[in-house]
Amino acid sequence: MLYPILVEYYVWWCIGLLGVTWFTRSGDLVSRRNRMYFYGMLAAIGFVLGFDWMGGVIFGLLVLEVGTVFKRWLDAKQANLNK
């Protein structure tokens, strides 16, 4: 069920990944630049060569980026509870 959605909206997932990376990695500019180049390269290669499975990779990277923000938020909440 998820696979056709990943393939159908591949370009939108890629744009979403780049947008989320732009906002979540705003503190470390070098890391943000390197990740944007890497994710853009993956998106371009997957699109040009027609790799359908690359949609899953892009979606997984998107989940990881959002997960890092969620983990930082949870760590901040835990630090406040310990005070």
Foldseek 3Di string as FASTA:
>chain_A
DVLVVLQVCVVVLLVLLLVLLCVLVVVDVVVSVVVNVVSVVLSVVCVVVVPSCSSVVSVVSSVVSVVVVVVVVVVVVVVVVVD
